[in-house]
């Protein structure tokens, strides 16, 4: 079987920035073990697998070690591939059937807009390992669905944070702060997902589903310009609309080819 493959840098307009994702277009189903092997072979934060389904596509995401329930950047990459290769018309709203329900993507000028579920959070006492990691150098901590959100005192604290991956090995953790006054960003963040085989994810759509609800009451607004301050870096526009989060970003293809299975 030949499988069309693309590697896309998402939430950026420049190659080698943003978050890299693999996108595989399937003409026939494959065993989960094969999908996981392809994702491990790619060794990217996520590999997306697309297959035609009724009015849209079945979309699944795999890290090198596990299947994910929700992934923003690989969804953005998938929509980009479908439009760039003329597999869908530019004016069509794309529908993706996923483990997190129906997700959509639409063109907004040079950007792609994703419609995702918002994630709330609740106050939490950090586990011992994370208290040891952050000591008293944080403002607030909450828990959202499957990850901790830790607000640090400044943007500089986020960019200069040195993670201890041993202390993070059992926890998915987002660190965040208000954007520095001399930047256009409302807030910045970094995301560590060691239990998923991704020490630091470059740019994370799913994290912004909870960051939007975290920052909305603190900043008194519903629309944000956000920056994820990983070594690769990436930015997106984020809009909170009730129980949904709209995320807008660009994408660029850097590799295309064929898997021979």
Protein backbone atom coordinates (compact mmCIF):
# COMPACT_ATOMS: atom_id res chain seq x y z
CA UNK A 1 0.00 0.00 0.00
CA UNK A 2 1.21 3.50 -0.87
CA UNK A 3 0.26 6.29 1.53
CA UNK A 4 0.64 9.96 0.68
CA UNK A 5 2.64 11.72 3.39
CA UNK A 6 3.24 15.39 4.18
CA UNK A 7 5.21 17.12 6.90
CA UNK A 8 3.80 20.51 7.77
CA UNK A 9 4.98 23.24 10.12
CA UNK A 10 1.82 24.55 11.80
CA UNK A 11 1.01 27.83 13.53
CA UNK A 12 3.71 29.57 11.53
CA UNK A 13 4.22 30.96 8.04
CA UNK A 14 7.92 30.08 8.02
CA UNK A 15 9.59 26.69 7.50
CA UNK A 16 11.30 25.19 10.56
CA UNK A 17 9.22 27.24 12.99
CA UNK A 18 5.91 26.41 14.67
CA UNK A 19 4.98 22.80 15.39
CA UNK A 20 5.79 20.04 12.88
CA UNK A 21 3.09 17.48 12.12
CA UNK A 22 2.91 14.51 9.82
CA UNK A 23 -0.23 14.09 7.70
CA UNK A 24 -1.05 10.74 6.10
CA UNK A 25 -3.97 10.36 3.68
CA UNK A 26 -5.42 6.85 3.86
CA UNK A 27 -7.34 5.20 1.04
CA UNK A 28 -8.09 2.13 3.18
CA UNK A 29 -8.12 1.38 6.91
CA UNK A 30 -4.92 0.29 8.63
CA UNK A 31 -4.48 -1.49 11.97
CA UNK A 32 -3.87 0.77 14.93
CA UNK A 33 -0.49 -0.88 15.42
CA UNK A 34 0.56 0.23 11.93
CA UNK A 35 -0.63 3.78 12.55
CA UNK A 36 1.36 3.86 15.77
CA UNK A 37 4.43 2.48 13.98
CA UNK A 38 4.21 5.17 11.32
CA UNK A 39 3.95 7.85 14.02
CA UNK A 40 6.96 6.39 15.79
CA UNK A 41 8.87 6.29 12.49
CA UNK A 42 8.07 9.97 11.90
CA UNK A 43 9.13 10.85 15.46
CA UNK A 44 7.15 14.10 15.25
CA UNK A 45 5.04 15.54 18.08
CA UNK A 46 1.94 14.29 16.22
CA UNK A 47 1.07 12.41 13.05
CA UNK A 48 -2.47 12.84 11.70
CA UNK A 49 -4.28 10.15 9.72
CA UNK A 50 -7.08 11.26 7.38
CA UNK A 51 -9.67 9.05 5.70
CA UNK A 52 -12.84 10.05 3.86
CA UNK A 53 -16.02 9.70 5.87
CA UNK A 54 -19.54 10.77 4.77
CA UNK A 55 -19.56 14.58 4.80
CA UNK A 56 -15.95 14.98 5.90
CA UNK A 57 -12.99 13.03 7.22
CA UNK A 58 -12.17 10.67 10.02
CA UNK A 59 -9.16 12.23 11.76
CA UNK A 60 -6.88 10.51 14.28
CA UNK A 61 -3.69 11.75 15.91
CA UNK A 62 -0.73 9.78 17.26
CA UNK A 63 2.38 10.88 19.11
CA UNK A 64 5.39 8.54 18.78
CA UNK A 65 3.96 6.53 21.70
CA UNK A 66 0.18 7.00 22.09
CA UNK A 67 -3.04 8.01 20.34
CA UNK A 68 -4.31 11.46 21.32
CA UNK A 69 -7.89 12.53 21.97
CA UNK A 70 -7.34 16.10 20.73
CA UNK A 71 -4.64 17.87 18.73
CA UNK A 72 -4.74 21.36 17.29
CA UNK A 73 -1.60 21.73 15.22
CA UNK A 74 -2.03 18.41 13.37
CA UNK A 75 -5.64 19.39 12.58
CA UNK A 76 -4.41 22.70 11.19
CA UNK A 77 -1.78 20.79 9.17
CA UNK A 78 -4.45 18.39 7.84
CA UNK A 79 -6.68 21.21 6.63
CA UNK A 80 -3.67 22.91 5.04
CA UNK A 81 -2.76 19.72 3.13
CA UNK A 82 -6.31 19.23 1.83
CA UNK A 83 -6.53 22.78 0.50
CA UNK A 84 -2.95 23.08 -0.76
CA UNK A 85 -3.26 19.87 -2.81
CA UNK A 86 -6.67 20.83 -4.24
CA UNK A 87 -8.38 17.94 -2.49
CA UNK A 88 -10.99 20.41 -1.23
CA UNK A 89 -12.17 23.78 -2.54
CA UNK A 90 -10.90 26.86 -0.65
CA UNK A 91 -14.39 28.03 0.33
CA UNK A 92 -15.44 24.72 1.88
CA UNK A 93 -15.65 24.38 5.66
CA UNK A 94 -13.89 21.10 6.44
CA UNK A 95 -15.44 18.67 8.91
CA UNK A 96 -13.34 16.26 10.96
CA UNK A 97 -14.86 13.41 12.96
CA UNK A 98 -12.59 12.79 15.96
CA UNK A 99 -12.43 11.33 19.46
CA UNK A 100 -13.36 14.84 20.65
CA UNK A 101 -16.41 15.09 18.43
CA UNK A 102 -16.89 17.17 15.30
CA UNK A 103 -14.16 19.73 14.63
CA UNK A 104 -14.15 22.16 11.72
CA UNK A 105 -11.62 24.22 9.78
CA UNK A 106 -12.28 27.26 7.57
CA UNK A 107 -10.12 29.63 5.54
CA UNK A 108 -9.72 33.14 6.94
CA UNK A 109 -7.46 34.93 4.45
CA UNK A 110 -3.95 33.58 4.92
CA UNK A 111 -4.95 31.86 8.14
CA UNK A 112 -6.84 28.69 8.91
CA UNK A 113 -9.45 28.85 11.67
CA UNK A 114 -10.11 25.80 13.82
CA UNK A 115 -13.29 25.39 15.90
CA UNK A 116 -12.49 23.38 19.06
CA UNK A 117 -14.17 22.68 22.41
CA UNK A 118 -13.21 24.99 25.27
CA UNK A 119 -11.77 23.43 28.42
CA UNK A 120 -12.49 24.85 31.85
CA UNK A 121 -10.30 24.42 34.91
CA UNK A 122 -10.46 24.23 38.67
CA UNK A 123 -8.09 25.34 41.43
CA UNK A 124 -5.65 22.67 42.51
CA UNK A 125 -2.84 21.97 44.93
CA UNK A 126 0.19 20.98 42.88
CA UNK A 127 1.59 17.48 43.40
CA UNK A 128 4.84 17.22 45.34
CA UNK A 129 7.00 16.87 42.20
CA UNK A 130 5.58 20.04 40.65
CA UNK A 131 5.84 21.97 43.91
CA UNK A 132 9.49 20.94 43.96
CA UNK A 133 9.86 22.08 40.35
CA UNK A 134 8.26 25.50 40.76
CA UNK A 135 9.01 26.05 44.49
CA UNK A 136 7.23 29.32 45.34
CA UNK A 137 7.94 30.97 42.01
CA UNK A 138 4.40 30.85 40.62
CA UNK A 139 1.26 32.97 40.88
CA UNK A 140 -1.53 30.42 40.50
CA UNK A 141 -2.19 26.79 39.58
CA UNK A 142 -5.27 25.09 38.12
CA UNK A 143 -6.11 21.75 36.54
CA UNK A 144 -7.86 21.38 33.17
CA UNK A 145 -9.02 17.97 31.91
CA UNK A 146 -5.63 16.28 31.70
CA UNK A 147 -2.98 18.92 32.45
CA UNK A 148 -1.86 21.41 35.04
CA UNK A 149 -1.78 25.13 34.22
CA UNK A 150 0.78 27.09 36.22
CA UNK A 151 0.89 30.88 35.93
CA UNK A 152 4.36 32.34 36.40
CA UNK A 153 5.01 35.94 37.49
CA UNK A 154 6.29 37.26 34.13
CA UNK A 155 6.84 36.47 30.48
CA UNK A 156 10.57 36.36 31.22
CA UNK A 157 9.96 33.64 33.81
CA UNK A 158 8.23 31.56 31.12
CA UNK A 159 10.89 32.01 28.44
CA UNK A 160 13.71 31.45 30.93
CA UNK A 161 12.15 28.43 32.64
CA UNK A 162 14.44 25.38 32.70
CA UNK A 163 12.34 22.20 32.95
CA UNK A 164 13.37 19.16 34.97
CA UNK A 165 11.91 16.36 32.86
CA UNK A 166 12.37 13.84 35.66
CA UNK A 167 9.98 15.84 37.85
CA UNK A 168 7.60 16.20 34.88
CA UNK A 169 7.62 12.55 33.84
CA UNK A 170 4.15 11.86 35.31
CA UNK A 171 2.50 15.20 34.54
CA UNK A 172 1.36 17.22 31.56
CA UNK A 173 1.97 20.86 32.41
CA UNK A 174 1.39 24.27 30.79
CA UNK A 175 3.25 27.30 32.10
CA UNK A 176 1.92 30.72 31.18
CA UNK A 177 2.16 34.44 31.93
CA UNK A 178 0.90 37.76 30.61
CA UNK A 179 2.71 38.94 27.51
CA UNK A 180 5.52 41.42 28.04
CA UNK A 181 4.43 45.07 27.57
CA UNK A 182 6.76 45.57 24.59
CA UNK A 183 5.23 42.66 22.63
CA UNK A 184 1.88 42.26 20.83
CA UNK A 185 0.98 39.15 22.85
CA UNK A 186 -1.78 39.00 25.46
CA UNK A 187 -0.23 35.91 27.02
CA UNK A 188 2.55 33.44 26.34
CA UNK A 189 2.98 29.80 27.29
CA UNK A 190 5.03 26.62 27.07
CA UNK A 191 3.76 23.05 27.26
CA UNK A 192 5.51 19.94 28.58
CA UNK A 193 3.99 16.52 27.81
CA UNK A 194 6.62 14.04 28.99
CA UNK A 195 4.08 11.20 29.65
CA UNK A 196 3.11 11.35 25.95
CA UNK A 197 6.68 11.06 24.69
CA UNK A 198 6.94 14.80 23.93
CA UNK A 199 9.20 16.64 26.36
CA UNK A 200 8.22 20.10 25.09
CA UNK A 201 5.57 20.58 22.43
CA UNK A 202 6.47 23.51 20.14
CA UNK A 203 2.94 24.98 19.64
CA UNK A 204 -0.16 23.36 21.13
CA UNK A 205 -3.72 24.00 20.01
CA UNK A 206 -5.29 21.88 22.77
CA UNK A 207 -3.43 23.86 25.44
CA UNK A 208 -5.01 27.07 24.15
CA UNK A 209 -8.46 25.52 24.60
CA UNK A 210 -7.84 25.85 28.35
CA UNK A 211 -5.62 28.95 28.23
CA UNK A 212 -8.48 30.89 26.61
CA UNK A 213 -10.82 30.13 29.51
CA UNK A 214 -8.02 30.76 32.02
CA UNK A 215 -7.08 34.22 30.74
CA UNK A 216 -10.55 35.50 29.76
CA UNK A 217 -11.60 36.56 33.29
CA UNK A 218 -8.09 37.74 34.20
CA UNK A 219 -7.68 39.97 31.14
CA UNK A 220 -11.36 40.87 30.75
CA UNK A 221 -11.50 39.95 27.07
CA UNK A 222 -12.50 37.13 24.72
CA UNK A 223 -9.97 37.57 21.90
CA UNK A 224 -6.24 37.08 22.33
CA UNK A 225 -3.02 37.08 20.38
CA UNK A 226 -0.92 34.31 21.91
CA UNK A 227 2.66 33.12 21.60
CA UNK A 228 4.03 29.72 22.58
CA UNK A 229 7.62 30.34 23.60
CA UNK A 230 9.21 27.00 22.74
CA UNK A 231 12.61 26.99 21.00
CA UNK A 232 10.77 26.84 17.62
CA UNK A 233 8.09 29.32 18.67
CA UNK A 234 4.66 29.89 17.18
CA UNK A 235 1.71 32.26 17.43
CA UNK A 236 -2.03 32.21 16.97
CA UNK A 237 -5.15 34.29 17.34
CA UNK A 238 -7.48 32.79 19.94
CA UNK A 239 -11.19 33.63 20.29
CA UNK A 240 -13.35 32.32 23.13
CA UNK A 241 -16.99 31.90 22.07
CA UNK A 242 -19.03 30.32 24.84
CA UNK A 243 -18.00 26.69 25.09
CA UNK A 244 -15.92 26.83 21.91
CA UNK A 245 -12.47 28.18 21.12
CA UNK A 246 -11.53 29.45 17.66
CA UNK A 247 -7.81 29.30 16.84
CA UNK A 248 -6.32 30.93 13.76
CA UNK A 249 -2.87 30.22 12.38
CA UNK A 250 -0.83 29.63 9.27
CA UNK A 251 0.96 26.52 8.01
CA UNK A 252 3.66 25.58 5.50
CA UNK A 253 4.54 22.22 3.94
CA UNK A 254 8.22 21.27 4.23
CA UNK A 255 8.23 17.61 3.08
CA UNK A 256 6.02 15.50 0.84
CA UNK A 257 6.41 11.88 -0.19
CA UNK A 258 5.02 8.38 -0.02
CA UNK A 259 5.01 5.63 2.59
CA UNK A 260 5.34 2.13 1.14
CA UNK A 261 3.67 -0.31 3.51
